Amino acid sequence: MEKINWEILNLAFWIEIILSYILPFKVVNHFQYNIGWPIQFISVYDSKPVLNPLMSMSLNPLGLLLNGVIIYWVISAAVKAYNKLKYQETK
C-alpha cells in the first residue's frame, strides 16, 4: 500500500472547490441548486431572504470527501504516467 501524497491530496481538494465555482450546477424542482462534480456536495435552496444566507444551504461532507478522493486518484495516475513516460524517454 502506498503512502498518501499530502501535496496531491491538498491540490485535489482545492481543485474540487474551484470546480464548484466554474462548472455548471444542476437545478432540481426549480428551487434547489446542486453544486459539485462528480458528486454534488452543496445544495442551495432558493427561498425567501433570511437573516443568515447559510440557512438556505446544505453541505454533504461525504460527497466532498469522495470528490477529493476521486480527483486525488486521477492526479496520482496522471503523475505516475508522466513519470513513466519521462523515465522511458531518458533511456
N, C-alpha and C. Protein backbone atom coordinates (compact mmCIF):
# COMPACT_ATOMS: atom_id res chain seq x y z
N MET A 1 0.84 -1.18 0.00
CA MET A 1 0.00 0.00 0.00
C MET A 1 0.88 1.24 0.00
N GLU A 2 0.52 2.20 -0.83
CA GLU A 2 1.32 3.41 -0.95
C GLU A 2 0.94 4.43 0.11
N LYS A 3 1.91 5.27 0.43
CA LYS A 3 1.64 6.37 1.35
C LYS A 3 0.86 7.46 0.61
N ILE A 4 0.09 8.20 1.37
CA ILE A 4 -0.68 9.30 0.80
C ILE A 4 0.26 10.48 0.53
N ASN A 5 0.18 11.01 -0.67
CA ASN A 5 0.92 12.20 -1.01
C ASN A 5 0.06 13.39 -0.61
N TRP A 6 0.41 14.03 0.49
CA TRP A 6 -0.41 15.10 1.06
C TRP A 6 -0.48 16.32 0.16
N GLU A 7 0.55 16.57 -0.62
CA GLU A 7 0.52 17.71 -1.54
C GLU A 7 -0.52 17.49 -2.63
N ILE A 8 -0.58 16.28 -3.16
CA ILE A 8 -1.57 15.97 -4.19
C ILE A 8 -2.97 15.98 -3.59
N LEU A 9 -3.12 15.48 -2.38
CA LEU A 9 -4.43 15.49 -1.73
C LEU A 9 -4.91 16.92 -1.49
N ASN A 10 -4.02 17.78 -1.05
CA ASN A 10 -4.35 19.19 -0.86
C ASN A 10 -4.76 19.82 -2.19
N LEU A 11 -4.00 19.54 -3.25
CA LEU A 11 -4.32 20.05 -4.57
C LEU A 11 -5.68 19.54 -5.04
N ALA A 12 -5.99 18.28 -4.76
CA ALA A 12 -7.27 17.69 -5.18
C ALA A 12 -8.44 18.43 -4.55
N PHE A 13 -8.34 18.75 -3.27
CA PHE A 13 -9.45 19.45 -2.62
C PHE A 13 -9.56 20.90 -3.10
N TRP A 14 -8.45 21.55 -3.40
CA TRP A 14 -8.51 22.90 -3.95
C TRP A 14 -9.13 22.87 -5.34
N ILE A 15 -8.78 21.88 -6.13
CA ILE A 15 -9.38 21.76 -7.46
C ILE A 15 -10.88 21.55 -7.34
N GLU A 16 -11.31 20.73 -6.38
CA GLU A 16 -12.74 20.48 -6.19
C GLU A 16 -13.47 21.77 -5.82
N ILE A 17 -12.89 22.57 -4.96
CA ILE A 17 -13.53 23.83 -4.56
C ILE A 17 -13.60 24.79 -5.76
N ILE A 18 -12.52 24.88 -6.53
CA ILE A 18 -12.51 25.76 -7.69
C ILE A 18 -13.49 25.28 -8.75
N LEU A 19 -13.57 23.96 -8.96
CA LEU A 19 -14.52 23.42 -9.94
C LEU A 19 -15.97 23.71 -9.56
N SER A 20 -16.25 23.78 -8.26
CA SER A 20 -17.62 24.06 -7.84
C SER A 20 -18.05 25.47 -8.24
N TYR A 21 -17.10 26.38 -8.43
CA TYR A 21 -17.42 27.72 -8.89
C TYR A 21 -17.47 27.82 -10.41
N ILE A 22 -16.72 26.97 -11.10
CA ILE A 22 -16.59 27.07 -12.55
C ILE A 22 -17.63 26.24 -13.30
N LEU A 23 -17.83 25.00 -12.86
CA LEU A 23 -18.72 24.09 -13.59
C LEU A 23 -20.18 24.47 -13.38
N PRO A 24 -21.02 24.13 -14.33
CA PRO A 24 -22.44 24.42 -14.17
C PRO A 24 -23.06 23.59 -13.05
N PHE A 25 -24.16 24.08 -12.54
CA PHE A 25 -24.86 23.39 -11.46
C PHE A 25 -26.13 22.77 -11.99
N LYS A 26 -26.73 21.93 -11.18
CA LYS A 26 -27.95 21.22 -11.57
C LYS A 26 -29.14 21.82 -10.83
N VAL A 27 -30.19 22.16 -11.56
CA VAL A 27 -31.40 22.72 -10.96
C VAL A 27 -32.40 21.58 -10.74
N VAL A 28 -32.91 21.49 -9.51
CA VAL A 28 -33.89 20.47 -9.15
C VAL A 28 -35.15 21.16 -8.65
N ASN A 29 -36.31 20.85 -9.21
CA ASN A 29 -37.61 21.37 -8.78
C ASN A 29 -37.68 22.89 -8.81
N HIS A 30 -36.92 23.54 -9.63
CA HIS A 30 -36.93 25.00 -9.82
C HIS A 30 -36.64 25.80 -8.56
N PHE A 31 -36.19 25.17 -7.49
CA PHE A 31 -35.84 25.95 -6.29
C PHE A 31 -34.61 25.40 -5.58
N GLN A 32 -34.05 24.32 -6.06
CA GLN A 32 -32.86 23.74 -5.44
C GLN A 32 -31.75 23.65 -6.48
N TYR A 33 -30.56 24.14 -6.12
CA TYR A 33 -29.39 24.10 -7.00
C TYR A 33 -28.34 23.19 -6.37
N ASN A 34 -27.94 22.16 -7.10
CA ASN A 34 -26.91 21.23 -6.61
C ASN A 34 -25.58 21.57 -7.27
N ILE A 35 -24.55 21.64 -6.45
CA ILE A 35 -23.23 22.05 -6.92
C ILE A 35 -22.22 20.97 -6.55
N GLY A 36 -21.29 20.69 -7.46
CA GLY A 36 -20.22 19.73 -7.20
C GLY A 36 -20.05 18.79 -8.37
N TRP A 37 -18.83 18.31 -8.52
CA TRP A 37 -18.54 17.35 -9.58
C TRP A 37 -17.50 16.36 -9.11
N PRO A 38 -17.62 15.10 -9.32
CA PRO A 38 -18.67 14.34 -9.99
C PRO A 38 -19.89 14.09 -9.09
N ILE A 39 -19.75 14.27 -7.80
CA ILE A 39 -20.85 14.08 -6.86
C ILE A 39 -21.24 15.44 -6.30
N GLN A 40 -22.53 15.75 -6.30
CA GLN A 40 -22.98 17.02 -5.76
C GLN A 40 -22.79 17.02 -4.25
N PHE A 41 -22.19 18.09 -3.71
CA PHE A 41 -21.94 18.14 -2.28
C PHE A 41 -22.49 19.41 -1.62
N ILE A 42 -22.98 20.35 -2.41
CA ILE A 42 -23.62 21.55 -1.86
C ILE A 42 -25.00 21.68 -2.50
N SER A 43 -25.99 21.94 -1.67
CA SER A 43 -27.33 22.24 -2.17
C SER A 43 -27.70 23.63 -1.67
N VAL A 44 -28.13 24.48 -2.59
CA VAL A 44 -28.57 25.83 -2.25
C VAL A 44 -30.04 25.92 -2.61
N TYR A 45 -30.84 26.37 -1.66
CA TYR A 45 -32.28 26.46 -1.85
C TYR A 45 -32.68 27.90 -2.11
N ASP A 46 -33.47 28.10 -3.16
CA ASP A 46 -33.98 29.42 -3.49
C ASP A 46 -35.20 29.68 -2.62
N SER A 47 -35.01 30.43 -1.56
CA SER A 47 -36.09 30.69 -0.61
C SER A 47 -36.19 32.19 -0.35
N LYS A 48 -37.10 32.54 0.49
CA LYS A 48 -37.24 33.95 0.87
C LYS A 48 -35.96 34.40 1.55
N PRO A 49 -35.60 35.66 1.38
CA PRO A 49 -34.38 36.17 2.04
C PRO A 49 -34.49 36.01 3.56
N VAL A 50 -33.43 35.49 4.13
CA VAL A 50 -33.37 35.31 5.57
C VAL A 50 -32.18 36.09 6.12
N LEU A 51 -32.10 36.14 7.41
CA LEU A 51 -31.03 36.88 8.05
C LEU A 51 -29.66 36.26 7.77
N ASN A 52 -29.60 34.95 7.76
CA ASN A 52 -28.34 34.24 7.56
C ASN A 52 -28.41 33.46 6.25
N PRO A 53 -27.58 33.77 5.25
CA PRO A 53 -27.64 33.05 3.97
C PRO A 53 -27.29 31.57 4.10
N LEU A 54 -26.56 31.19 5.13
CA LEU A 54 -26.20 29.78 5.30
C LEU A 54 -27.40 28.92 5.67
N MET A 55 -28.49 29.54 6.08
CA MET A 55 -29.69 28.78 6.42
C MET A 55 -30.33 28.16 5.17
N SER A 56 -30.00 28.68 3.99
CA SER A 56 -30.57 28.14 2.76
C SER A 56 -29.58 27.22 2.03
N MET A 57 -28.52 26.79 2.73
CA MET A 57 -27.52 25.91 2.13
C MET A 57 -27.42 24.61 2.92
N SER A 58 -27.05 23.56 2.20
CA SER A 58 -26.83 22.25 2.82
C SER A 58 -25.53 21.68 2.26
N LEU A 59 -24.65 21.26 3.15
CA LEU A 59 -23.36 20.70 2.76
C LEU A 59 -23.35 19.21 3.02
N ASN A 60 -22.91 18.43 2.03
CA ASN A 60 -22.76 16.99 2.17
C ASN A 60 -21.26 16.70 2.30
N PRO A 61 -20.75 16.55 3.53
CA PRO A 61 -19.30 16.35 3.68
C PRO A 61 -18.80 15.04 3.07
N LEU A 62 -19.64 14.00 3.06
CA LEU A 62 -19.23 12.74 2.45
C LEU A 62 -19.02 12.91 0.94
N GLY A 63 -19.90 13.67 0.30
CA GLY A 63 -19.74 13.93 -1.14
C GLY A 63 -18.47 14.71 -1.43
N LEU A 64 -18.17 15.69 -0.58
CA LEU A 64 -16.94 16.47 -0.74
C LEU A 64 -15.71 15.57 -0.57
N LEU A 65 -15.74 14.70 0.42
CA LEU A 65 -14.62 13.78 0.66
C LEU A 65 -14.44 12.81 -0.51
N LEU A 66 -15.54 12.25 -1.01
CA LEU A 66 -15.45 11.32 -2.14
C LEU A 66 -14.93 12.02 -3.40
N ASN A 67 -15.38 13.24 -3.63
CA ASN A 67 -14.87 14.00 -4.78
C ASN A 67 -13.37 14.23 -4.66
N GLY A 68 -12.91 14.59 -3.46
CA GLY A 68 -11.48 14.79 -3.24
C GLY A 68 -10.67 13.53 -3.50
N VAL A 69 -11.20 12.39 -3.06
CA VAL A 69 -10.50 11.11 -3.26
C VAL A 69 -10.46 10.75 -4.75
N ILE A 70 -11.56 10.97 -5.45
CA ILE A 70 -11.60 10.66 -6.89
C ILE A 70 -10.60 11.53 -7.65
N ILE A 71 -10.58 12.82 -7.35
CA ILE A 71 -9.64 13.72 -8.02
C ILE A 71 -8.21 13.37 -7.64
N TYR A 72 -7.97 12.96 -6.38
CA TYR A 72 -6.64 12.53 -5.94
C TYR A 72 -6.17 11.34 -6.77
N TRP A 73 -7.05 10.36 -6.98
CA TRP A 73 -6.68 9.18 -7.78
C TRP A 73 -6.35 9.57 -9.21
N VAL A 74 -7.12 10.48 -9.78
CA VAL A 74 -6.88 10.90 -11.17
C VAL A 74 -5.52 11.62 -11.27
N ILE A 75 -5.26 12.53 -10.34
CA ILE A 75 -3.98 13.25 -10.37
C ILE A 75 -2.82 12.30 -10.14
N SER A 76 -2.96 11.37 -9.19
CA SER A 76 -1.89 10.40 -8.92
C SER A 76 -1.60 9.53 -10.14
N ALA A 77 -2.64 9.09 -10.82
CA ALA A 77 -2.45 8.27 -12.02
C ALA A 77 -1.76 9.08 -13.12
N ALA A 78 -2.13 10.36 -13.26
CA ALA A 78 -1.50 11.21 -14.27
C ALA A 78 -0.03 11.45 -13.95
N VAL A 79 0.30 11.65 -12.68
CA VAL A 79 1.70 11.86 -12.28
C VAL A 79 2.51 10.60 -12.52
N LYS A 80 1.95 9.43 -12.19
CA LYS A 80 2.67 8.17 -12.42
C LYS A 80 2.90 7.94 -13.91
N ALA A 81 1.89 8.22 -14.74
CA ALA A 81 2.05 8.04 -16.18
C ALA A 81 3.09 9.01 -16.74
N TYR A 82 3.08 10.25 -16.27
CA TYR A 82 4.06 11.23 -16.71
C TYR A 82 5.47 10.80 -16.32
N ASN A 83 5.65 10.36 -15.08
CA ASN A 83 6.97 9.91 -14.64
C ASN A 83 7.44 8.68 -15.41
N LYS A 84 6.52 7.79 -15.75
CA LYS A 84 6.88 6.60 -16.52
C LYS A 84 7.32 6.99 -17.93
N LEU A 85 6.60 7.90 -18.56
CA LEU A 85 6.99 8.37 -19.90
C LEU A 85 8.31 9.12 -19.86
N LYS A 86 8.50 9.92 -18.84
CA LYS A 86 9.74 10.68 -18.70
C LYS A 86 10.93 9.74 -18.51
N TYR A 87 10.74 8.67 -17.73
CA TYR A 87 11.80 7.69 -17.50
C TYR A 87 12.13 6.94 -18.79
N GLN A 88 11.12 6.62 -19.59
CA GLN A 88 11.36 5.89 -20.83
C GLN A 88 12.07 6.76 -21.87
N GLU A 89 11.81 8.07 -21.85
CA GLU A 89 12.47 8.96 -22.82
C GLU A 89 13.95 9.13 -22.52
N THR A 90 14.33 9.01 -21.25
CA THR A 90 15.73 9.21 -20.90
C THR A 90 16.58 7.98 -21.22
N LYS A 91 15.97 6.86 -21.50
CA LYS A 91 16.74 5.64 -21.82
C LYS A 91 17.26 5.66 -23.20
